[in-house]
Amino acid sequence: MVLLVSSDSTITLVEEALSQIRRVLDQPFGTGNQIRIMPNAPAGAGCTIGTTLH
């Protein structure tokens, strides 16, 4: 489990969810984007459920 602290709250992630987020951000479409995830960020089929890129 990994804890990420933001200005709003503490986010608790399991390793698989963190791995999925890293894989998305490593893709060409993820370059330079901000990522927003739900506080509990459950792992999904290829990306965490509720993730958005902006």
C-alpha atoms as a PDB file:
ATOM      1  CA  MET A   1       0.000   0.000   0.000  1.00  0.00           C
ATOM      2  CA  VAL A   2       1.240   3.492  -0.848  1.00  0.00           C
ATOM      3  CA  LEU A   3       0.165   6.781   0.697  1.00  0.00           C
ATOM      4  CA  LEU A   4       0.109   9.904  -1.439  1.00  0.00           C
ATOM      5  CA  VAL A   5      -0.497  13.164   0.347  1.00  0.00           C
ATOM      6  CA  SER A   6      -2.156  16.010  -1.513  1.00  0.00           C
ATOM      7  CA  SER A   7      -3.197  19.435  -0.311  1.00  0.00           C
ATOM      8  CA  ASP A   8      -6.763  18.158   0.081  1.00  0.00           C
ATOM      9  CA  SER A   9      -6.416  14.768   1.781  1.00  0.00           C
ATOM     10  CA  THR A  10      -4.401  11.601   2.149  1.00  0.00           C
ATOM     11  CA  ILE A  11      -4.955   9.043  -0.614  1.00  0.00           C
ATOM     12  CA  THR A  12      -4.439   5.341   0.058  1.00  0.00           C
ATOM     13  CA  LEU A  13      -3.553   3.182  -2.950  1.00  0.00           C
ATOM     14  CA  VAL A  14      -2.836  -0.499  -3.367  1.00  0.00           C
ATOM     15  CA  GLU A  15       0.246  -1.367  -5.417  1.00  0.00           C
ATOM     16  CA  GLU A  16      -1.772  -2.550  -8.451  1.00  0.00           C
ATOM     17  CA  ALA A  17      -3.632   0.764  -8.642  1.00  0.00           C
ATOM     18  CA  LEU A  18      -0.372   2.730  -8.425  1.00  0.00           C
ATOM     19  CA  SER A  19       1.132   0.528 -11.133  1.00  0.00           C
ATOM     20  CA  GLN A  20      -1.862   1.189 -13.400  1.00  0.00           C
ATOM     21  CA  ILE A  21      -1.572   4.949 -12.874  1.00  0.00           C
ATOM     22  CA  ARG A  22       2.134   4.855 -13.743  1.00  0.00           C
ATOM     23  CA  ARG A  23       1.448   2.831 -16.906  1.00  0.00           C
ATOM     24  CA  VAL A  24      -1.190   5.342 -18.060  1.00  0.00           C
ATOM     25  CA  LEU A  25       1.134   8.293 -17.467  1.00  0.00           C
ATOM     26  CA  ASP A  26       3.936   6.525 -19.366  1.00  0.00           C
ATOM     27  CA  GLN A  27       1.760   6.403 -22.509  1.00  0.00           C
ATOM     28  CA  PRO A  28       2.166   9.146 -25.151  1.00  0.00           C
ATOM     29  CA  PHE A  29      -1.306  10.531 -24.397  1.00  0.00           C
ATOM     30  CA  GLY A  30      -0.420  10.831 -20.705  1.00  0.00           C
ATOM     31  CA  THR A  31       2.600  13.078 -21.249  1.00  0.00           C
ATOM     32  CA  GLY A  32       2.105  16.511 -19.727  1.00  0.00           C
ATOM     33  CA  ASN A  33      -1.349  15.694 -18.367  1.00  0.00           C
ATOM     34  CA  GLN A  34      -2.574  15.993 -14.823  1.00  0.00           C
ATOM     35  CA  ILE A  35      -4.199  12.895 -13.418  1.00  0.00           C
ATOM     36  CA  ARG A  36      -7.100  12.867 -11.011  1.00  0.00           C
ATOM     37  CA  ILE A  37      -7.994   9.751  -9.088  1.00  0.00           C
ATOM     38  CA  MET A  38     -10.610   8.842  -6.526  1.00  0.00           C
ATOM     39  CA  PRO A  39      -9.364   8.719  -2.922  1.00  0.00           C
ATOM     40  CA  ASN A  40      -9.686   4.919  -2.764  1.00  0.00           C
ATOM     41  CA  ALA A  41      -8.669   4.395  -6.467  1.00  0.00           C
ATOM     42  CA  PRO A  42      -9.617   0.752  -6.994  1.00  0.00           C
ATOM     43  CA  ALA A  43      -7.688  -1.047  -9.733  1.00  0.00           C
ATOM     44  CA  GLY A  44      -9.650  -1.625 -12.935  1.00  0.00           C
ATOM     45  CA  ALA A  45      -9.206  -3.669 -16.122  1.00  0.00           C
ATOM     46  CA  GLY A  46      -6.456  -1.365 -17.442  1.00  0.00           C
ATOM     47  CA  CYS A  47      -6.699   1.822 -15.422  1.00  0.00           C
ATOM     48  CA  THR A  48      -7.934   2.701 -11.952  1.00  0.00           C
ATOM     49  CA  ILE A  49     -11.688   3.181 -11.770  1.00  0.00           C
ATOM     50  CA  GLY A  50     -12.660   6.854 -11.770  1.00  0.00           C
ATOM     51  CA  THR A  51      -9.368   8.151 -13.200  1.00  0.00           C
ATOM     52  CA  THR A  52      -9.475  11.219 -15.424  1.00  0.00           C
ATOM     53  CA  LEU A  53      -6.729  12.968 -17.378  1.00  0.00           C
ATOM     54  CA  HIS A  54      -6.792  16.683 -17.956  1.00  0.00           C
END
